[in-house]
Amino acid sequence: MDDFIVGRKAIIEFLRKPLDLSPTTKTAWNKILRWRKDQGMEKIFHRDITGRPYIIPEEARRWFLEAEGKAKRVPRGFEIQSSKKTVAGKSANSQ
């Protein structure tokens, strides 16, 4: 797994599925900037010494999981797989 995702295009590709981003780069980046401002995503965005934006994937996943706890919704691409299988609302161990 990569430690950093550097640059707008790489960040857009990483967040495309969870944020349902537009295929156009400019529109997708503007949506990311809106989410950053409106949803408090500024915690996961950093800048390197040349000013290029980067994110750390693990921080992004953690942010989405924390936001999921508040909103009761997990964005596509960041779902957590349960280790227990359920059948019609009952766990496999409760038979």
PDB file of N, CA and C in Angstrom:
ATOM      1  N   MET A   1       0.849  -1.186   0.000  1.00  0.00           N
ATOM      2  CA  MET A   1       0.000   0.000   0.000  1.00  0.00           C
ATOM      3  C   MET A   1       0.887   1.239   0.000  1.00  0.00           C
ATOM      4  N   ASP A   2       0.473   2.249  -0.703  1.00  0.00           N
ATOM      5  CA  ASP A   2       1.224   3.497  -0.757  1.00  0.00           C
ATOM      6  C   ASP A   2       1.096   4.246   0.561  1.00  0.00           C
ATOM      7  N   ASP A   3       2.196   4.909   0.960  1.00  0.00           N
ATOM      8  CA  ASP A   3       2.175   5.691   2.184  1.00  0.00           C
ATOM      9  C   ASP A   3       1.535   7.049   1.971  1.00  0.00           C
ATOM     10  N   PHE A   4       1.706   7.608   0.772  1.00  0.00           N
ATOM     11  CA  PHE A   4       1.171   8.929   0.454  1.00  0.00           C
ATOM     12  C   PHE A   4       0.533   8.900  -0.927  1.00  0.00           C
ATOM     13  N   ILE A   5      -0.476   9.730  -1.101  1.00  0.00           N
ATOM     14  CA  ILE A   5      -1.060   9.959  -2.421  1.00  0.00           C
ATOM     15  C   ILE A   5      -0.821  11.425  -2.710  1.00  0.00           C
ATOM     16  N   VAL A   6       0.063  11.699  -3.681  1.00  0.00           N
ATOM     17  CA  VAL A   6       0.533  13.062  -3.934  1.00  0.00           C
ATOM     18  C   VAL A   6      -0.032  13.576  -5.249  1.00  0.00           C
ATOM     19  N   GLY A   7      -0.520  14.808  -5.218  1.00  0.00           N
ATOM     20  CA  GLY A   7      -1.004  15.474  -6.421  1.00  0.00           C
ATOM     21  C   GLY A   7      -2.507  15.370  -6.591  1.00  0.00           C
ATOM     22  N   ARG A   8      -3.054  16.343  -7.294  1.00  0.00           N
ATOM     23  CA  ARG A   8      -4.502  16.411  -7.488  1.00  0.00           C
ATOM     24  C   ARG A   8      -5.057  15.185  -8.197  1.00  0.00           C
ATOM     25  N   LYS A   9      -4.421  14.782  -9.292  1.00  0.00           N
ATOM     26  CA  LYS A   9      -4.952  13.663 -10.073  1.00  0.00           C
ATOM     27  C   LYS A   9      -4.961  12.369  -9.267  1.00  0.00           C
ATOM     28  N   ALA A  10      -3.915  12.119  -8.510  1.00  0.00           N
ATOM     29  CA  ALA A  10      -3.856  10.904  -7.693  1.00  0.00           C
ATOM     30  C   ALA A  10      -4.900  10.950  -6.577  1.00  0.00           C
ATOM     31  N   ILE A  11      -5.092  12.113  -5.972  1.00  0.00           N
ATOM     32  CA  ILE A  11      -6.099  12.259  -4.920  1.00  0.00           C
ATOM     33  C   ILE A  11      -7.493  12.053  -5.502  1.00  0.00           C
ATOM     34  N   ILE A  12      -7.731  12.618  -6.683  1.00  0.00           N
ATOM     35  CA  ILE A  12      -9.032  12.442  -7.340  1.00  0.00           C
ATOM     36  C   ILE A  12      -9.297  10.961  -7.594  1.00  0.00           C
ATOM     37  N   GLU A  13      -8.316  10.236  -8.101  1.00  0.00           N
ATOM     38  CA  GLU A  13      -8.507   8.808  -8.369  1.00  0.00           C
ATOM     39  C   GLU A  13      -8.774   8.030  -7.085  1.00  0.00           C
ATOM     40  N   PHE A  14      -8.092   8.382  -6.001  1.00  0.00           N
ATOM     41  CA  PHE A  14      -8.294   7.693  -4.729  1.00  0.00           C
ATOM     42  C   PHE A  14      -9.690   7.959  -4.170  1.00  0.00           C
ATOM     43  N   LEU A  15     -10.190   9.190  -4.311  1.00  0.00           N
ATOM     44  CA  LEU A  15     -11.487   9.569  -3.737  1.00  0.00           C
ATOM     45  C   LEU A  15     -12.642   9.486  -4.736  1.00  0.00           C
ATOM     46  N   ARG A  16     -12.380   9.073  -5.970  1.00  0.00           N
ATOM     47  CA  ARG A  16     -13.426   9.062  -7.002  1.00  0.00           C
ATOM     48  C   ARG A  16     -14.636   8.226  -6.591  1.00  0.00           C
ATOM     49  N   LYS A  17     -14.438   7.009  -6.150  1.00  0.00           N
ATOM     50  CA  LYS A  17     -15.561   6.138  -5.806  1.00  0.00           C
ATOM     51  C   LYS A  17     -16.278   6.582  -4.525  1.00  0.00           C
ATOM     52  N   PRO A  18     -15.572   6.843  -3.432  1.00  0.00           N
ATOM     53  CA  PRO A  18     -16.294   7.221  -2.206  1.00  0.00           C
ATOM     54  C   PRO A  18     -17.050   8.544  -2.307  1.00  0.00           C
ATOM     55  N   LEU A  19     -16.531   9.499  -3.084  1.00  0.00           N
ATOM     56  CA  LEU A  19     -17.193  10.802  -3.185  1.00  0.00           C
ATOM     57  C   LEU A  19     -18.028  10.937  -4.453  1.00  0.00           C
ATOM     58  N   ASP A  20     -18.077   9.894  -5.275  1.00  0.00           N
ATOM     59  CA  ASP A  20     -18.836   9.909  -6.522  1.00  0.00           C
ATOM     60  C   ASP A  20     -18.440  11.117  -7.366  1.00  0.00           C
ATOM     61  N   LEU A  21     -17.159  11.193  -7.697  1.00  0.00           N
ATOM     62  CA  LEU A  21     -16.616  12.355  -8.396  1.00  0.00           C
ATOM     63  C   LEU A  21     -16.892  12.319  -9.894  1.00  0.00           C
ATOM     64  N   SER A  22     -16.957  13.497 -10.466  1.00  0.00           N
ATOM     65  CA  SER A  22     -17.165  13.686 -11.900  1.00  0.00           C
ATOM     66  C   SER A  22     -15.953  13.176 -12.677  1.00  0.00           C
ATOM     67  N   PRO A  23     -16.158  12.766 -13.929  1.00  0.00           N
ATOM     68  CA  PRO A  23     -15.012  12.338 -14.740  1.00  0.00           C
ATOM     69  C   PRO A  23     -14.078  13.485 -15.126  1.00  0.00           C
ATOM     70  N   THR A  24     -14.558  14.719 -15.088  1.00  0.00           N
ATOM     71  CA  THR A  24     -13.686  15.845 -15.429  1.00  0.00           C
ATOM     72  C   THR A  24     -12.865  16.250 -14.212  1.00  0.00           C
ATOM     73  N   THR A  25     -11.585  16.477 -14.428  1.00  0.00           N
ATOM     74  CA  THR A  25     -10.661  16.767 -13.333  1.00  0.00           C
ATOM     75  C   THR A  25     -11.031  18.035 -12.578  1.00  0.00           C
ATOM     76  N   LYS A  26     -11.353  19.095 -13.301  1.00  0.00           N
ATOM     77  CA  LYS A  26     -11.653  20.373 -12.650  1.00  0.00           C
ATOM     78  C   LYS A  26     -12.891  20.270 -11.761  1.00  0.00           C
ATOM     79  N   THR A  27     -13.952  19.663 -12.268  1.00  0.00           N
ATOM     80  CA  THR A  27     -15.181  19.506 -11.489  1.00  0.00           C
ATOM     81  C   THR A  27     -14.943  18.605 -10.282  1.00  0.00           C
ATOM     82  N   ALA A  28     -14.204  17.522 -10.476  1.00  0.00           N
ATOM     83  CA  ALA A  28     -13.914  16.598  -9.379  1.00  0.00           C
ATOM     84  C   ALA A  28     -13.102  17.294  -8.289  1.00  0.00           C
ATOM     85  N   TRP A  29     -12.085  18.061  -8.673  1.00  0.00           N
ATOM     86  CA  TRP A  29     -11.257  18.750  -7.685  1.00  0.00           C
ATOM     87  C   TRP A  29     -12.077  19.791  -6.924  1.00  0.00           C
ATOM     88  N   ASN A  30     -12.970  20.507  -7.627  1.00  0.00           N
ATOM     89  CA  ASN A  30     -13.828  21.481  -6.945  1.00  0.00           C
ATOM     90  C   ASN A  30     -14.735  20.806  -5.924  1.00  0.00           C
ATOM     91  N   LYS A  31     -15.239  19.613  -6.236  1.00  0.00           N
ATOM     92  CA  LYS A  31     -16.069  18.883  -5.275  1.00  0.00           C
ATOM     93  C   LYS A  31     -15.238  18.472  -4.061  1.00  0.00           C
ATOM     94  N   ILE A  32     -14.016  18.036  -4.293  1.00  0.00           N
ATOM     95  CA  ILE A  32     -13.138  17.682  -3.174  1.00  0.00           C
ATOM     96  C   ILE A  32     -12.895  18.901  -2.292  1.00  0.00           C
ATOM     97  N   LEU A  33     -12.652  20.057  -2.900  1.00  0.00           N
ATOM     98  CA  LEU A  33     -12.435  21.279  -2.114  1.00  0.00           C
ATOM     99  C   LEU A  33     -13.682  21.660  -1.317  1.00  0.00           C
ATOM    100  N   ARG A  34     -14.867  21.475  -1.911  1.00  0.00           N
ATOM    101  CA  ARG A  34     -16.108  21.752  -1.169  1.00  0.00           C
ATOM    102  C   ARG A  34     -16.248  20.805   0.016  1.00  0.00           C
ATOM    103  N   TRP A  35     -15.997  19.511  -0.202  1.00  0.00           N
ATOM    104  CA  TRP A  35     -16.071  18.544   0.885  1.00  0.00           C
ATOM    105  C   TRP A  35     -15.053  18.892   1.969  1.00  0.00           C
ATOM    106  N   ARG A  36     -13.872  19.285   1.537  1.00  0.00           N
ATOM    107  CA  ARG A  36     -12.822  19.635   2.499  1.00  0.00           C
ATOM    108  C   ARG A  36     -13.287  20.763   3.405  1.00  0.00           C
ATOM    109  N   LYS A  37     -13.920  21.752   2.822  1.00  0.00           N
ATOM    110  CA  LYS A  37     -14.373  22.909   3.592  1.00  0.00           C
ATOM    111  C   LYS A  37     -15.645  22.602   4.386  1.00  0.00           C
ATOM    112  N   ASP A  38     -16.646  22.039   3.734  1.00  0.00           N
ATOM    113  CA  ASP A  38     -17.961  21.857   4.353  1.00  0.00           C
ATOM    114  C   ASP A  38     -18.033  20.679   5.313  1.00  0.00           C
ATOM    115  N   GLN A  39     -17.319  19.604   5.041  1.00  0.00           N
ATOM    116  CA  GLN A  39     -17.418  18.388   5.845  1.00  0.00           C
ATOM    117  C   GLN A  39     -16.250  18.199   6.809  1.00  0.00           C
ATOM    118  N   GLY A  40     -15.335  19.139   6.852  1.00  0.00           N
ATOM    119  CA  GLY A  40     -14.223  19.044   7.792  1.00  0.00           C
ATOM    120  C   GLY A  40     -13.117  18.099   7.359  1.00  0.00           C
ATOM    121  N   MET A  41     -12.937  17.923   6.059  1.00  0.00           N
ATOM    122  CA  MET A  41     -11.895  17.021   5.568  1.00  0.00           C
ATOM    123  C   MET A  41     -10.509  17.643   5.602  1.00  0.00           C
ATOM    124  N   GLU A  42     -10.392  18.889   6.069  1.00  0.00           N
ATOM    125  CA  GLU A  42      -9.072  19.526   6.051  1.00  0.00           C
ATOM    126  C   GLU A  42      -8.060  18.773   6.904  1.00  0.00           C
ATOM    127  N   LYS A  43      -8.524  17.939   7.825  1.00  0.00           N
ATOM    128  CA  LYS A  43      -7.614  17.149   8.656  1.00  0.00           C
ATOM    129  C   LYS A  43      -6.763  16.191   7.826  1.00  0.00           C
ATOM    130  N   ILE A  44      -7.309  15.692   6.730  1.00  0.00           N
ATOM    131  CA  ILE A  44      -6.586  14.669   5.969  1.00  0.00           C
ATOM    132  C   ILE A  44      -5.765  15.238   4.823  1.00  0.00           C
ATOM    133  N   PHE A  45      -5.893  16.531   4.538  1.00  0.00           N
ATOM    134  CA  PHE A  45      -5.137  17.146   3.446  1.00  0.00           C
ATOM    135  C   PHE A  45      -3.890  17.828   3.983  1.00  0.00           C
ATOM    136  N   HIS A  46      -2.781  17.594   3.314  1.00  0.00           N
ATOM    137  CA  HIS A  46      -1.500  18.180   3.687  1.00  0.00           C
ATOM    138  C   HIS A  46      -0.866  18.769   2.432  1.00  0.00           C
ATOM    139  N   ARG A  47       0.190  19.537   2.611  1.00  0.00           N
ATOM    140  CA  ARG A  47       0.955  20.090   1.479  1.00  0.00           C
ATOM    141  C   ARG A  47       2.424  19.759   1.693  1.00  0.00           C
ATOM    142  N   ASP A  48       3.096  19.346   0.619  1.00  0.00           N
ATOM    143  CA  ASP A  48       4.534  19.107   0.734  1.00  0.00           C
ATOM    144  C   ASP A  48       5.274  20.438   0.590  1.00  0.00           C
ATOM    145  N   ILE A  49       6.592  20.410   0.637  1.00  0.00           N
ATOM    146  CA  ILE A  49       7.356  21.663   0.646  1.00  0.00           C
ATOM    147  C   ILE A  49       7.241  22.442  -0.658  1.00  0.00           C
ATOM    148  N   THR A  50       6.820  21.767  -1.733  1.00  0.00           N
ATOM    149  CA  THR A  50       6.626  22.469  -3.005  1.00  0.00           C
ATOM    150  C   THR A  50       5.195  22.965  -3.178  1.00  0.00           C
ATOM    151  N   GLY A  51       4.329  22.671  -2.211  1.00  0.00           N
ATOM    152  CA  GLY A  51       2.945  23.132  -2.272  1.00  0.00           C
ATOM    153  C   GLY A  51       1.969  22.136  -2.866  1.00  0.00           C
ATOM    154  N   ARG A  52       2.464  20.971  -3.294  1.00  0.00           N
ATOM    155  CA  ARG A  52       1.563  19.959  -3.864  1.00  0.00           C
ATOM    156  C   ARG A  52       0.743  19.304  -2.763  1.00  0.00           C
ATOM    157  N   PRO A  53      -0.552  19.112  -2.999  1.00  0.00           N
ATOM    158  CA  PRO A  53      -1.383  18.465  -1.982  1.00  0.00           C
ATOM    159  C   PRO A  53      -1.089  16.967  -1.907  1.00  0.00           C
ATOM    160  N   TYR A  54      -1.217  16.420  -0.700  1.00  0.00           N
ATOM    161  CA  TYR A  54      -1.115  14.976  -0.545  1.00  0.00           C
ATOM    162  C   TYR A  54      -2.009  14.536   0.595  1.00  0.00           C
ATOM    163  N   ILE A  55      -2.392  13.276   0.550  1.00  0.00           N
ATOM    164  CA  ILE A  55      -3.151  12.685   1.644  1.00  0.00           C
ATOM    165  C   ILE A  55      -2.500  11.357   2.001  1.00  0.00           C
ATOM    166  N   ILE A  56      -2.755  10.932   3.218  1.00  0.00           N
ATOM    167  CA  ILE A  56      -2.300   9.633   3.689  1.00  0.00           C
ATOM    168  C   ILE A  56      -3.535   8.732   3.680  1.00  0.00           C
ATOM    169  N   PRO A  57      -3.524   7.656   2.898  1.00  0.00           N
ATOM    170  CA  PRO A  57      -4.725   6.831   2.741  1.00  0.00           C
ATOM    171  C   PRO A  57      -5.340   6.364   4.056  1.00  0.00           C
ATOM    172  N   GLU A  58      -4.520   5.986   5.015  1.00  0.00           N
ATOM    173  CA  GLU A  58      -5.059   5.501   6.288  1.00  0.00           C
ATOM    174  C   GLU A  58      -5.806   6.605   7.032  1.00  0.00           C
ATOM    175  N   GLU A  59      -5.306   7.841   6.977  1.00  0.00           N
ATOM    176  CA  GLU A  59      -6.016   8.970   7.587  1.00  0.00           C
ATOM    177  C   GLU A  59      -7.354   9.196   6.901  1.00  0.00           C
ATOM    178  N   ALA A  60      -7.376   9.074   5.572  1.00  0.00           N
ATOM    179  CA  ALA A  60      -8.618   9.269   4.822  1.00  0.00           C
ATOM    180  C   ALA A  60      -9.641   8.205   5.206  1.00  0.00           C
ATOM    181  N   ARG A  61      -9.207   6.955   5.274  1.00  0.00           N
ATOM    182  CA  ARG A  61     -10.131   5.881   5.671  1.00  0.00           C
ATOM    183  C   ARG A  61     -10.650   6.103   7.083  1.00  0.00           C
ATOM    184  N   ARG A  62      -9.774   6.501   7.991  1.00  0.00           N
ATOM    185  CA  ARG A  62     -10.186   6.768   9.370  1.00  0.00           C
ATOM    186  C   ARG A  62     -11.197   7.911   9.425  1.00  0.00           C
ATOM    187  N   TRP A  63     -10.959   8.975   8.620  1.00  0.00           N
ATOM    188  CA  TRP A  63     -11.883  10.108   8.588  1.00  0.00           C
ATOM    189  C   TRP A  63     -13.263   9.661   8.106  1.00  0.00           C
ATOM    190  N   PHE A  64     -13.301   8.839   7.041  1.00  0.00           N
ATOM    191  CA  PHE A  64     -14.582   8.362   6.528  1.00  0.00           C
ATOM    192  C   PHE A  64     -15.299   7.491   7.554  1.00  0.00           C
ATOM    193  N   LEU A  65     -14.568   6.675   8.291  1.00  0.00           N
ATOM    194  CA  LEU A  65     -15.199   5.837   9.308  1.00  0.00           C
ATOM    195  C   LEU A  65     -15.759   6.679  10.452  1.00  0.00           C
ATOM    196  N   GLU A  66     -15.040   7.722  10.860  1.00  0.00           N
ATOM    197  CA  GLU A  66     -15.551   8.624  11.893  1.00  0.00           C
ATOM    198  C   GLU A  66     -16.783   9.366  11.395  1.00  0.00           C
ATOM    199  N   ALA A  67     -16.745   9.828  10.156  1.00  0.00           N
ATOM    200  CA  ALA A  67     -17.893  10.522   9.572  1.00  0.00           C
ATOM    201  C   ALA A  67     -19.075   9.569   9.440  1.00  0.00           C
ATOM    202  N   GLU A  68     -18.800   8.306   9.142  1.00  0.00           N
ATOM    203  CA  GLU A  68     -19.859   7.310   9.020  1.00  0.00           C
ATOM    204  C   GLU A  68     -20.585   7.133  10.342  1.00  0.00           C
ATOM    205  N   GLY A  69     -19.852   7.173  11.433  1.00  0.00           N
ATOM    206  CA  GLY A  69     -20.475   7.049  12.741  1.00  0.00           C
ATOM    207  C   GLY A  69     -21.428   8.192  13.034  1.00  0.00           C
ATOM    208  N   LYS A  70     -21.119   9.363  12.513  1.00  0.00           N
ATOM    209  CA  LYS A  70     -21.976  10.530  12.718  1.00  0.00           C
ATOM    210  C   LYS A  70     -23.158  10.541  11.763  1.00  0.00           C
ATOM    211  N   ALA A  71     -22.935  10.113  10.516  1.00  0.00           N
ATOM    212  CA  ALA A  71     -23.964  10.231   9.482  1.00  0.00           C
ATOM    213  C   ALA A  71     -24.722   8.927   9.229  1.00  0.00           C
ATOM    214  N   LYS A  72     -24.279   7.824   9.813  1.00  0.00           N
ATOM    215  CA  LYS A  72     -24.907   6.520   9.599  1.00  0.00           C
ATOM    216  C   LYS A  72     -24.868   6.090   8.136  1.00  0.00           C
ATOM    217  N   ARG A  73     -23.855   6.521   7.409  1.00  0.00           N
ATOM    218  CA  ARG A  73     -23.714   6.177   5.993  1.00  0.00           C
ATOM    219  C   ARG A  73     -22.233   6.043   5.668  1.00  0.00           C
ATOM    220  N   VAL A  74     -21.873   4.976   5.006  1.00  0.00           N
ATOM    221  CA  VAL A  74     -20.488   4.781   4.582  1.00  0.00           C
ATOM    222  C   VAL A  74     -20.412   5.048   3.091  1.00  0.00           C
ATOM    223  N   PRO A  75     -19.525   5.944   2.658  1.00  0.00           N
ATOM    224  CA  PRO A  75     -19.379   6.179   1.225  1.00  0.00           C
ATOM    225  C   PRO A  75     -18.924   4.916   0.509  1.00  0.00           C
ATOM    226  N   ARG A  76     -19.343   4.776  -0.732  1.00  0.00           N
ATOM    227  CA  ARG A  76     -18.936   3.610  -1.515  1.00  0.00           C
ATOM    228  C   ARG A  76     -17.421   3.550  -1.603  1.00  0.00           C
ATOM    229  N   GLY A  77     -16.910   2.340  -1.477  1.00  0.00           N
ATOM    230  CA  GLY A  77     -15.474   2.152  -1.573  1.00  0.00           C
ATOM    231  C   GLY A  77     -14.789   2.079  -0.217  1.00  0.00           C
ATOM    232  N   PHE A  78     -15.495   2.442   0.846  1.00  0.00           N
ATOM    233  CA  PHE A  78     -14.911   2.400   2.184  1.00  0.00           C
ATOM    234  C   PHE A  78     -15.733   1.521   3.119  1.00  0.00           C
ATOM    235  N   GLU A  79     -16.501   0.582   2.566  1.00  0.00           N
ATOM    236  CA  GLU A  79     -17.308  -0.293   3.394  1.00  0.00           C
ATOM    237  C   GLU A  79     -16.406  -1.211   4.217  1.00  0.00           C
ATOM    238  N   ILE A  80     -16.874  -1.568   5.394  1.00  0.00           N
ATOM    239  CA  ILE A  80     -16.139  -2.496   6.249  1.00  0.00           C
ATOM    240  C   ILE A  80     -16.839  -3.839   6.160  1.00  0.00           C
ATOM    241  N   GLN A  81     -16.081  -4.879   5.908  1.00  0.00           N
ATOM    242  CA  GLN A  81     -16.657  -6.206   5.813  1.00  0.00           C
ATOM    243  C   GLN A  81     -16.789  -6.795   7.212  1.00  0.00           C
ATOM    244  N   SER A  82     -17.964  -7.306   7.518  1.00  0.00           N
ATOM    245  CA  SER A  82     -18.201  -7.935   8.807  1.00  0.00           C
ATOM    246  C   SER A  82     -17.641  -9.351   8.778  1.00  0.00           C
ATOM    247  N   SER A  83     -17.090  -9.793   9.904  1.00  0.00           N
ATOM    248  CA  SER A  83     -16.535 -11.140   9.958  1.00  0.00           C
ATOM    249  C   SER A  83     -17.621 -12.181  10.210  1.00  0.00           C
ATOM    250  N   LYS A  84     -18.796 -11.761  10.700  1.00  0.00           N
ATOM    251  CA  LYS A  84     -19.897 -12.686  10.951  1.00  0.00           C
ATOM    252  C   LYS A  84     -20.898 -12.593   9.812  1.00  0.00           C
ATOM    253  N   LYS A  85     -21.346 -13.739   9.341  1.00  0.00           N
ATOM    254  CA  LYS A  85     -22.344 -13.762   8.282  1.00  0.00           C
ATOM    255  C   LYS A  85     -23.728 -13.671   8.913  1.00  0.00           C
ATOM    256  N   THR A  86     -24.630 -12.983   8.247  1.00  0.00           N
ATOM    257  CA  THR A  86     -25.994 -12.871   8.751  1.00  0.00           C
ATOM    258  C   THR A  86     -26.955 -13.497   7.760  1.00  0.00           C
ATOM    259  N   VAL A  87     -28.013 -14.073   8.305  1.00  0.00           N
ATOM    260  CA  VAL A  87     -29.056 -14.663   7.480  1.00  0.00           C
ATOM    261  C   VAL A  87     -30.379 -14.086   7.947  1.00  0.00           C
ATOM    262  N   ALA A  88     -31.033 -13.347   7.089  1.00  0.00           N
ATOM    263  CA  ALA A  88     -32.335 -12.738   7.383  1.00  0.00           C
ATOM    264  C   ALA A  88     -32.312 -11.968   8.700  1.00  0.00           C
ATOM    265  N   GLY A  89     -31.263 -11.194   8.906  1.00  0.00           N
ATOM    266  CA  GLY A  89     -31.186 -10.344  10.088  1.00  0.00           C
ATOM    267  C   GLY A  89     -30.653 -11.026  11.333  1.00  0.00           C
ATOM    268  N   LYS A  90     -30.356 -12.319  11.284  1.00  0.00           N
ATOM    269  CA  LYS A  90     -29.829 -13.035  12.445  1.00  0.00           C
ATOM    270  C   LYS A  90     -28.387 -13.424  12.165  1.00  0.00           C
ATOM    271  N   SER A  91     -27.577 -13.408  13.196  1.00  0.00           N
ATOM    272  CA  SER A  91     -26.193 -13.828  12.995  1.00  0.00           C
ATOM    273  C   SER A  91     -26.130 -15.344  12.878  1.00  0.00           C
ATOM    274  N   ALA A  92     -25.079 -15.835  12.287  1.00  0.00           N
ATOM    275  CA  ALA A  92     -24.926 -17.273  12.066  1.00  0.00           C
ATOM    276  C   ALA A  92     -24.781 -18.032  13.379  1.00  0.00           C
ATOM    277  N   ASN A  93     -24.363 -17.368  14.455  1.00  0.00           N
ATOM    278  CA  ASN A  93     -24.143 -18.027  15.741  1.00  0.00           C
ATOM    279  C   ASN A  93     -25.393 -18.083  16.607  1.00  0.00           C
ATOM    280  N   SER A  94     -26.482 -17.430  16.229  1.00  0.00           N
ATOM    281  CA  SER A  94     -27.648 -17.321  17.115  1.00  0.00           C
ATOM    282  C   SER A  94     -28.740 -18.328  16.796  1.00  0.00           C
ATOM    283  N   GLN A  95     -28.406 -19.460  16.211  1.00  0.00           N
ATOM    284  CA  GLN A  95     -29.437 -20.439  15.855  1.00  0.00           C
ATOM    285  C   GLN A  95     -29.750 -21.337  16.978  1.00  0.00           C
TER     286      GLN A  95
END
